N, C-alpha and C. Protein backbone atom coordinates (compact mmCIF):
# COMPACT_ATOMS: atom_id res chain seq x y z
N MET A 1 -66.99 -44.78 -57.86
CA MET A 1 -65.63 -45.29 -57.92
C MET A 1 -65.48 -46.65 -57.22
N PRO A 2 -66.02 -46.85 -56.03
CA PRO A 2 -65.90 -48.17 -55.39
C PRO A 2 -66.51 -49.29 -56.22
N ARG A 3 -67.55 -48.95 -56.99
CA ARG A 3 -68.20 -49.95 -57.82
C ARG A 3 -67.23 -50.51 -58.87
N ILE A 4 -66.43 -49.65 -59.47
CA ILE A 4 -65.45 -50.08 -60.47
C ILE A 4 -64.42 -50.99 -59.82
N ARG A 5 -63.93 -50.60 -58.67
CA ARG A 5 -62.94 -51.43 -57.97
C ARG A 5 -63.51 -52.79 -57.63
N LYS A 6 -64.75 -52.83 -57.17
CA LYS A 6 -65.37 -54.09 -56.83
C LYS A 6 -65.48 -55.00 -58.06
N SER A 7 -65.84 -54.43 -59.21
CA SER A 7 -65.96 -55.25 -60.41
C SER A 7 -64.59 -55.74 -60.87
N LEU A 8 -63.54 -54.95 -60.68
CA LEU A 8 -62.19 -55.40 -61.03
C LEU A 8 -61.76 -56.55 -60.14
N VAL A 9 -62.11 -56.47 -58.86
CA VAL A 9 -61.78 -57.57 -57.94
C VAL A 9 -62.50 -58.84 -58.36
N ILE A 10 -63.75 -58.72 -58.76
CA ILE A 10 -64.51 -59.89 -59.21
C ILE A 10 -63.88 -60.47 -60.47
N LEU A 11 -63.50 -59.61 -61.42
CA LEU A 11 -62.84 -60.10 -62.63
C LEU A 11 -61.54 -60.80 -62.29
N TRP A 12 -60.75 -60.22 -61.37
CA TRP A 12 -59.48 -60.83 -61.00
C TRP A 12 -59.72 -62.18 -60.35
N MET A 13 -60.75 -62.29 -59.51
CA MET A 13 -61.07 -63.57 -58.88
C MET A 13 -61.47 -64.58 -59.95
N ASP A 14 -62.24 -64.13 -60.94
CA ASP A 14 -62.61 -65.03 -62.04
C ASP A 14 -61.37 -65.52 -62.77
N LYS A 15 -60.43 -64.61 -63.02
CA LYS A 15 -59.20 -64.97 -63.71
C LYS A 15 -58.42 -66.02 -62.92
N SER A 16 -58.27 -65.81 -61.63
CA SER A 16 -57.51 -66.76 -60.83
C SER A 16 -58.23 -68.11 -60.74
N LEU A 17 -59.56 -68.08 -60.69
CA LEU A 17 -60.31 -69.34 -60.66
C LEU A 17 -60.19 -70.09 -61.99
N ILE A 18 -60.19 -69.35 -63.08
CA ILE A 18 -60.03 -69.97 -64.41
C ILE A 18 -58.68 -70.66 -64.51
N ILE A 19 -57.63 -69.95 -64.14
CA ILE A 19 -56.27 -70.52 -64.24
C ILE A 19 -56.09 -71.66 -63.26
N ASP A 20 -56.67 -71.52 -62.07
CA ASP A 20 -56.60 -72.60 -61.08
C ASP A 20 -57.30 -73.85 -61.61
N GLY A 21 -58.43 -73.67 -62.26
CA GLY A 21 -59.14 -74.82 -62.84
C GLY A 21 -58.35 -75.48 -63.96
N LEU A 22 -57.72 -74.66 -64.80
CA LEU A 22 -56.87 -75.21 -65.87
C LEU A 22 -55.73 -76.04 -65.28
N ALA A 23 -55.13 -75.51 -64.23
CA ALA A 23 -53.98 -76.19 -63.62
C ALA A 23 -54.41 -77.49 -62.94
N LYS A 24 -55.51 -77.47 -62.22
CA LYS A 24 -55.99 -78.69 -61.54
C LYS A 24 -56.35 -79.79 -62.52
N GLU A 25 -56.93 -79.40 -63.65
CA GLU A 25 -57.32 -80.38 -64.66
C GLU A 25 -56.21 -80.68 -65.65
N LYS A 26 -55.06 -80.01 -65.48
CA LYS A 26 -53.90 -80.18 -66.34
C LYS A 26 -54.25 -80.00 -67.82
N LYS A 27 -55.06 -78.99 -68.10
CA LYS A 27 -55.50 -78.73 -69.47
C LYS A 27 -54.36 -78.26 -70.37
N VAL A 28 -53.49 -77.41 -69.84
CA VAL A 28 -52.37 -76.92 -70.64
C VAL A 28 -51.44 -78.08 -70.98
N GLU A 29 -51.17 -78.92 -70.01
CA GLU A 29 -50.30 -80.09 -70.25
C GLU A 29 -50.92 -81.03 -71.28
N GLU A 30 -52.22 -81.20 -71.21
CA GLU A 30 -52.93 -82.05 -72.18
C GLU A 30 -52.80 -81.48 -73.60
N ILE A 31 -52.97 -80.18 -73.73
CA ILE A 31 -52.83 -79.54 -75.04
C ILE A 31 -51.41 -79.71 -75.56
N ILE A 32 -50.43 -79.50 -74.69
CA ILE A 32 -49.02 -79.63 -75.09
C ILE A 32 -48.74 -81.06 -75.54
N ASN A 33 -49.22 -82.05 -74.81
CA ASN A 33 -49.00 -83.45 -75.19
C ASN A 33 -49.64 -83.79 -76.53
N ASN A 34 -50.78 -83.18 -76.83
CA ASN A 34 -51.42 -83.42 -78.12
C ASN A 34 -50.65 -82.79 -79.28
N ILE A 35 -50.05 -81.64 -79.02
CA ILE A 35 -49.32 -80.93 -80.08
C ILE A 35 -47.90 -81.44 -80.21
N LEU A 36 -47.24 -81.69 -79.08
CA LEU A 36 -45.82 -82.05 -79.07
C LEU A 36 -45.60 -83.33 -78.26
N PRO A 37 -46.02 -84.48 -78.78
CA PRO A 37 -45.93 -85.71 -77.97
C PRO A 37 -44.50 -86.13 -77.61
N TYR A 38 -43.51 -85.78 -78.41
CA TYR A 38 -42.15 -86.26 -78.16
C TYR A 38 -41.19 -85.16 -77.74
N LYS A 39 -41.69 -83.99 -77.50
CA LYS A 39 -40.84 -82.83 -77.19
C LYS A 39 -40.34 -82.90 -75.75
N THR A 40 -39.07 -82.53 -75.58
CA THR A 40 -38.55 -82.39 -74.22
C THR A 40 -38.95 -81.03 -73.68
N TRP A 41 -38.76 -80.80 -72.43
CA TRP A 41 -39.07 -79.53 -71.76
C TRP A 41 -40.57 -79.23 -71.73
N LYS A 42 -41.42 -80.24 -71.83
CA LYS A 42 -42.87 -79.99 -71.87
C LYS A 42 -43.37 -79.37 -70.56
N ASP A 43 -42.85 -79.81 -69.43
CA ASP A 43 -43.28 -79.23 -68.15
C ASP A 43 -42.90 -77.76 -68.06
N ASP A 44 -41.72 -77.44 -68.59
CA ASP A 44 -41.28 -76.05 -68.58
C ASP A 44 -42.15 -75.20 -69.50
N LEU A 45 -42.53 -75.75 -70.63
CA LEU A 45 -43.42 -75.03 -71.54
C LEU A 45 -44.77 -74.77 -70.86
N ALA A 46 -45.29 -75.77 -70.17
CA ALA A 46 -46.57 -75.61 -69.46
C ALA A 46 -46.46 -74.49 -68.43
N GLN A 47 -45.37 -74.47 -67.68
CA GLN A 47 -45.20 -73.42 -66.68
C GLN A 47 -45.12 -72.04 -67.33
N ASP A 48 -44.43 -71.95 -68.45
CA ASP A 48 -44.35 -70.68 -69.17
C ASP A 48 -45.73 -70.23 -69.66
N ILE A 49 -46.54 -71.18 -70.12
CA ILE A 49 -47.90 -70.85 -70.57
C ILE A 49 -48.73 -70.34 -69.40
N TYR A 50 -48.63 -71.01 -68.24
CA TYR A 50 -49.37 -70.55 -67.07
C TYR A 50 -48.93 -69.15 -66.66
N ILE A 51 -47.64 -68.89 -66.72
CA ILE A 51 -47.14 -67.55 -66.38
C ILE A 51 -47.71 -66.51 -67.35
N GLU A 52 -47.69 -66.84 -68.63
CA GLU A 52 -48.23 -65.91 -69.63
C GLU A 52 -49.73 -65.68 -69.41
N LEU A 53 -50.46 -66.72 -69.05
CA LEU A 53 -51.89 -66.56 -68.77
C LEU A 53 -52.10 -65.63 -67.58
N LEU A 54 -51.27 -65.78 -66.55
CA LEU A 54 -51.38 -64.91 -65.39
C LEU A 54 -51.07 -63.46 -65.73
N GLU A 55 -50.23 -63.25 -66.72
CA GLU A 55 -49.85 -61.90 -67.13
C GLU A 55 -50.87 -61.27 -68.09
N LYS A 56 -51.79 -62.06 -68.62
CA LYS A 56 -52.77 -61.55 -69.58
C LYS A 56 -53.78 -60.64 -68.87
N ASP A 57 -54.39 -59.79 -69.68
CA ASP A 57 -55.42 -58.89 -69.18
C ASP A 57 -56.60 -59.71 -68.65
N VAL A 58 -57.15 -59.26 -67.56
CA VAL A 58 -58.25 -59.95 -66.90
C VAL A 58 -59.45 -60.10 -67.83
N THR A 59 -59.82 -59.03 -68.49
CA THR A 59 -61.01 -59.08 -69.33
C THR A 59 -60.81 -60.00 -70.54
N LEU A 60 -59.61 -60.02 -71.09
CA LEU A 60 -59.33 -60.91 -72.22
C LEU A 60 -59.54 -62.36 -71.80
N LEU A 61 -58.95 -62.74 -70.68
CA LEU A 61 -59.04 -64.12 -70.23
C LEU A 61 -60.47 -64.53 -69.88
N THR A 62 -61.17 -63.67 -69.19
CA THR A 62 -62.55 -64.02 -68.82
C THR A 62 -63.46 -64.04 -70.06
N ASP A 63 -63.23 -63.14 -71.01
CA ASP A 63 -64.02 -63.17 -72.25
C ASP A 63 -63.77 -64.45 -73.03
N LEU A 64 -62.51 -64.84 -73.17
CA LEU A 64 -62.20 -66.09 -73.87
C LEU A 64 -62.85 -67.29 -73.18
N TYR A 65 -62.79 -67.30 -71.87
CA TYR A 65 -63.39 -68.39 -71.10
C TYR A 65 -64.90 -68.43 -71.30
N ASN A 66 -65.54 -67.26 -71.18
CA ASN A 66 -67.01 -67.20 -71.30
C ASN A 66 -67.49 -67.54 -72.71
N LYS A 67 -66.65 -67.32 -73.71
CA LYS A 67 -67.02 -67.63 -75.10
C LYS A 67 -66.54 -69.02 -75.52
N ASN A 68 -66.01 -69.80 -74.58
CA ASN A 68 -65.47 -71.14 -74.85
C ASN A 68 -64.38 -71.11 -75.92
N GLN A 69 -63.54 -70.09 -75.90
CA GLN A 69 -62.45 -69.96 -76.85
C GLN A 69 -61.08 -70.07 -76.19
N LEU A 70 -61.05 -70.33 -74.91
CA LEU A 70 -59.78 -70.34 -74.18
C LEU A 70 -58.87 -71.48 -74.64
N LYS A 71 -59.44 -72.63 -74.92
CA LYS A 71 -58.63 -73.77 -75.38
C LYS A 71 -57.90 -73.42 -76.68
N TYR A 72 -58.60 -72.80 -77.62
CA TYR A 72 -57.99 -72.44 -78.90
C TYR A 72 -56.90 -71.38 -78.71
N TYR A 73 -57.13 -70.49 -77.76
CA TYR A 73 -56.15 -69.46 -77.45
C TYR A 73 -54.88 -70.10 -76.88
N ILE A 74 -55.05 -71.08 -76.01
CA ILE A 74 -53.90 -71.78 -75.41
C ILE A 74 -53.15 -72.58 -76.48
N VAL A 75 -53.87 -73.21 -77.39
CA VAL A 75 -53.23 -73.94 -78.50
C VAL A 75 -52.33 -72.99 -79.29
N ARG A 76 -52.85 -71.80 -79.58
CA ARG A 76 -52.06 -70.80 -80.32
C ARG A 76 -50.85 -70.35 -79.50
N MET A 77 -51.03 -70.19 -78.19
CA MET A 77 -49.91 -69.81 -77.32
C MET A 77 -48.81 -70.87 -77.35
N VAL A 78 -49.20 -72.14 -77.29
CA VAL A 78 -48.23 -73.23 -77.31
C VAL A 78 -47.46 -73.21 -78.63
N LYS A 79 -48.18 -73.13 -79.74
CA LYS A 79 -47.53 -73.12 -81.04
C LYS A 79 -46.60 -71.92 -81.19
N ASN A 80 -47.06 -70.76 -80.77
CA ASN A 80 -46.22 -69.56 -80.87
C ASN A 80 -44.97 -69.68 -80.01
N ASN A 81 -45.09 -70.25 -78.83
CA ASN A 81 -43.93 -70.39 -77.96
C ASN A 81 -42.88 -71.33 -78.54
N VAL A 82 -43.32 -72.35 -79.24
CA VAL A 82 -42.38 -73.32 -79.81
C VAL A 82 -41.77 -72.81 -81.11
N ILE A 83 -42.55 -72.11 -81.91
CA ILE A 83 -42.09 -71.69 -83.23
C ILE A 83 -41.38 -70.33 -83.20
N SER A 84 -41.91 -69.39 -82.47
CA SER A 84 -41.39 -68.02 -82.50
C SER A 84 -40.03 -67.91 -81.84
N LYS A 85 -39.08 -67.36 -82.56
CA LYS A 85 -37.72 -67.21 -82.04
C LYS A 85 -37.62 -66.11 -80.98
N THR A 86 -38.68 -65.34 -80.79
CA THR A 86 -38.66 -64.29 -79.78
C THR A 86 -39.41 -64.69 -78.50
N SER A 87 -39.99 -65.89 -78.48
CA SER A 87 -40.74 -66.31 -77.30
C SER A 87 -39.81 -66.66 -76.15
N ARG A 88 -40.33 -66.55 -74.96
CA ARG A 88 -39.58 -66.88 -73.74
C ARG A 88 -39.10 -68.33 -73.78
N TYR A 89 -39.99 -69.24 -74.16
CA TYR A 89 -39.67 -70.66 -74.21
C TYR A 89 -38.57 -70.93 -75.24
N TYR A 90 -38.71 -70.36 -76.43
CA TYR A 90 -37.72 -70.60 -77.48
C TYR A 90 -36.35 -70.12 -77.05
N LYS A 91 -36.30 -68.92 -76.50
CA LYS A 91 -35.01 -68.37 -76.06
C LYS A 91 -34.39 -69.20 -74.95
N LYS A 92 -35.22 -69.65 -74.03
CA LYS A 92 -34.72 -70.34 -72.85
C LYS A 92 -34.30 -71.78 -73.14
N TYR A 93 -35.10 -72.51 -73.90
CA TYR A 93 -34.87 -73.94 -74.05
C TYR A 93 -34.38 -74.37 -75.42
N ILE A 94 -35.02 -73.90 -76.46
CA ILE A 94 -34.63 -74.36 -77.80
C ILE A 94 -33.27 -73.80 -78.17
N ASN A 95 -33.05 -72.52 -77.93
CA ASN A 95 -31.72 -71.95 -78.19
C ASN A 95 -30.65 -72.63 -77.36
N TYR A 96 -30.97 -72.96 -76.13
CA TYR A 96 -30.03 -73.66 -75.26
C TYR A 96 -29.64 -75.00 -75.87
N GLU A 97 -30.62 -75.74 -76.34
CA GLU A 97 -30.34 -77.04 -76.95
C GLU A 97 -29.49 -76.89 -78.21
N LYS A 98 -29.79 -75.87 -78.99
CA LYS A 98 -29.00 -75.64 -80.21
C LYS A 98 -27.56 -75.30 -79.87
N ARG A 99 -27.36 -74.42 -78.89
CA ARG A 99 -26.00 -74.05 -78.49
C ARG A 99 -25.26 -75.24 -77.90
N LYS A 100 -25.96 -76.04 -77.12
CA LYS A 100 -25.35 -77.21 -76.51
C LYS A 100 -24.90 -78.20 -77.59
N SER A 101 -25.76 -78.44 -78.57
CA SER A 101 -25.41 -79.36 -79.67
C SER A 101 -24.23 -78.83 -80.46
N LYS A 102 -24.22 -77.54 -80.70
CA LYS A 102 -23.12 -76.93 -81.45
C LYS A 102 -21.81 -77.07 -80.68
N ASN A 103 -21.85 -76.84 -79.38
CA ASN A 103 -20.65 -76.95 -78.55
C ASN A 103 -20.15 -78.41 -78.51
N ILE A 104 -21.03 -79.36 -78.45
CA ILE A 104 -20.65 -80.77 -78.45
C ILE A 104 -19.98 -81.12 -79.77
N GLU A 105 -20.56 -80.65 -80.89
CA GLU A 105 -19.98 -80.91 -82.20
C GLU A 105 -18.58 -80.30 -82.30
N GLU A 106 -18.41 -79.08 -81.81
CA GLU A 106 -17.11 -78.42 -81.86
C GLU A 106 -16.07 -79.16 -81.01
N CYS A 107 -16.50 -79.71 -79.90
CA CYS A 107 -15.56 -80.46 -79.04
C CYS A 107 -15.16 -81.79 -79.68
N ASN A 108 -16.04 -82.36 -80.49
CA ASN A 108 -15.77 -83.66 -81.11
C ASN A 108 -14.92 -83.52 -82.38
N ILE A 109 -14.76 -82.34 -82.88
CA ILE A 109 -14.00 -82.15 -84.14
C ILE A 109 -12.54 -82.29 -83.91
């Protein structure tokens, strides 16, 4: 039993080191800038992506990293957050902008 716990701790440390490395190198921000060069709320989107990465399963993240597939996974996360109407980012920022624009239009009528 202690052996399993020790391996989970090692996996968790790997996960935190992976995310720490991404943050220090600003990899998520770089991906966002490549996909959405003119989008507002880019810093908020990056923070949401980092939060989602922290919430991911340890083995998933370490497997993606070890197979050099993490970048592609993050690209998909960014696209899904911007496009999907059920994503945290979409609900928080895009819907807000839509409601704000609608309210401004109604006030100007």
